[in-house]
Protein backbone atom coordinates (compact mmCIF):
# COMPACT_ATOMS: atom_id res chain seq x y z
CA UNK A 1 -59.91 58.15 9.76
CA UNK A 2 -61.79 55.21 8.80
CA UNK A 3 -62.78 54.62 5.13
CA UNK A 4 -66.05 54.28 5.35
CA UNK A 5 -66.15 57.57 6.06
CA UNK A 6 -64.61 59.52 3.43
CA UNK A 7 -63.55 63.62 4.25
CA UNK A 8 -63.93 65.04 0.91
CA UNK A 9 -67.34 64.76 0.58
CA UNK A 10 -69.28 63.94 4.30
CA UNK A 11 -69.50 66.99 7.17
CA UNK A 12 -68.26 67.82 9.86
CA UNK A 13 -71.24 67.10 11.20
CA UNK A 14 -71.33 63.71 10.19
CA UNK A 15 -67.62 62.23 10.22
CA UNK A 16 -68.12 64.04 14.05
CA UNK A 17 -71.78 61.93 14.57
CA UNK A 18 -70.29 58.86 13.54
CA UNK A 19 -67.35 59.44 16.22
CA UNK A 20 -69.80 60.39 19.38
CA UNK A 21 -71.50 57.61 18.65
CA UNK A 22 -68.11 55.51 19.06
CA UNK A 23 -67.35 57.69 22.36
CA UNK A 24 -70.50 56.98 23.80
CA UNK A 25 -70.80 53.00 23.06
CA UNK A 26 -67.70 51.65 23.06
CA UNK A 27 -68.68 48.51 22.02
CA UNK A 28 -71.27 46.84 20.16
CA UNK A 29 -72.87 44.73 23.03
CA UNK A 30 -73.33 48.60 25.01
CA UNK A 31 -75.48 50.10 21.17
CA UNK A 32 -76.95 47.10 20.94
CA UNK A 33 -78.07 46.19 24.78
CA UNK A 34 -79.80 50.77 24.75
CA UNK A 35 -82.14 49.16 21.81
CA UNK A 36 -83.45 46.54 23.70
CA UNK A 37 -83.69 49.00 26.45
CA UNK A 38 -85.81 51.30 24.24
CA UNK A 39 -88.08 48.15 23.00
CA UNK A 40 -89.19 46.74 26.57
CA UNK A 41 -90.07 50.50 27.30
CA UNK A 42 -91.95 50.92 23.84
CA UNK A 43 -93.23 47.33 24.49
CA UNK A 44 -94.41 48.38 27.88
CA UNK A 45 -95.75 51.65 27.08
CA UNK A 46 -100.01 52.98 26.37
CA UNK A 47 -98.46 53.31 22.35
CA UNK A 48 -97.88 50.10 22.38
CA UNK A 49 -101.20 49.13 22.53
CA UNK A 50 -102.51 50.24 19.38
CA UNK A 51 -100.07 48.20 17.93
CA UNK A 52 -100.99 45.01 16.05
CA UNK A 53 -98.97 41.85 16.09
CA UNK A 54 -97.65 42.95 12.41
CA UNK A 55 -96.74 46.20 14.03
CA UNK A 56 -94.88 44.14 16.91
CA UNK A 57 -93.31 41.70 14.50
CA UNK A 58 -91.95 44.71 12.19
CA UNK A 59 -91.10 46.50 15.55
CA UNK A 60 -88.77 43.56 17.14
CA UNK A 61 -87.59 43.06 13.32
CA UNK A 62 -86.29 46.40 13.26
CA UNK A 63 -84.72 45.81 16.74
CA UNK A 64 -83.01 42.35 15.39
CA UNK A 65 -81.11 44.38 11.92
CA UNK A 66 -79.63 47.44 13.71
CA UNK A 67 -78.53 44.63 16.39
CA UNK A 68 -76.51 43.53 13.37
CA UNK A 69 -76.03 45.97 11.38
CA UNK A 70 -73.83 47.41 14.41
CA UNK A 71 -72.30 44.45 14.63
CA UNK A 72 -71.30 44.79 11.23
CA UNK A 73 -69.64 48.57 11.61
CA UNK A 74 -67.99 47.27 15.15
CA UNK A 75 -66.60 44.79 13.87
CA UNK A 76 -65.75 46.40 10.12
CA UNK A 77 -64.56 49.79 11.55
CA UNK A 78 -61.81 49.96 14.16
CA UNK A 79 -63.72 53.38 15.99
CA UNK A 80 -60.24 54.52 17.47
CA UNK A 81 -59.23 55.68 14.53
CA UNK A 82 -62.40 58.00 13.86
């Protein structure tokens, strides 16, 4: 198992969740694509009408940071080893 996941302190569910994520999204691009799809759906929903410019910018910033995080995780972990 990857050194990022400490098997001595992690619960079986947390290690399984990480493994499941990599199994479902084997490449960072697929995970990032889902993030953008969610953002597009959210921006087009009636709930987005309540968002002001700052809130929309925060949502974009969050999506970009999540995408960067996904890339970093995929670059630094070997998903098949999980």
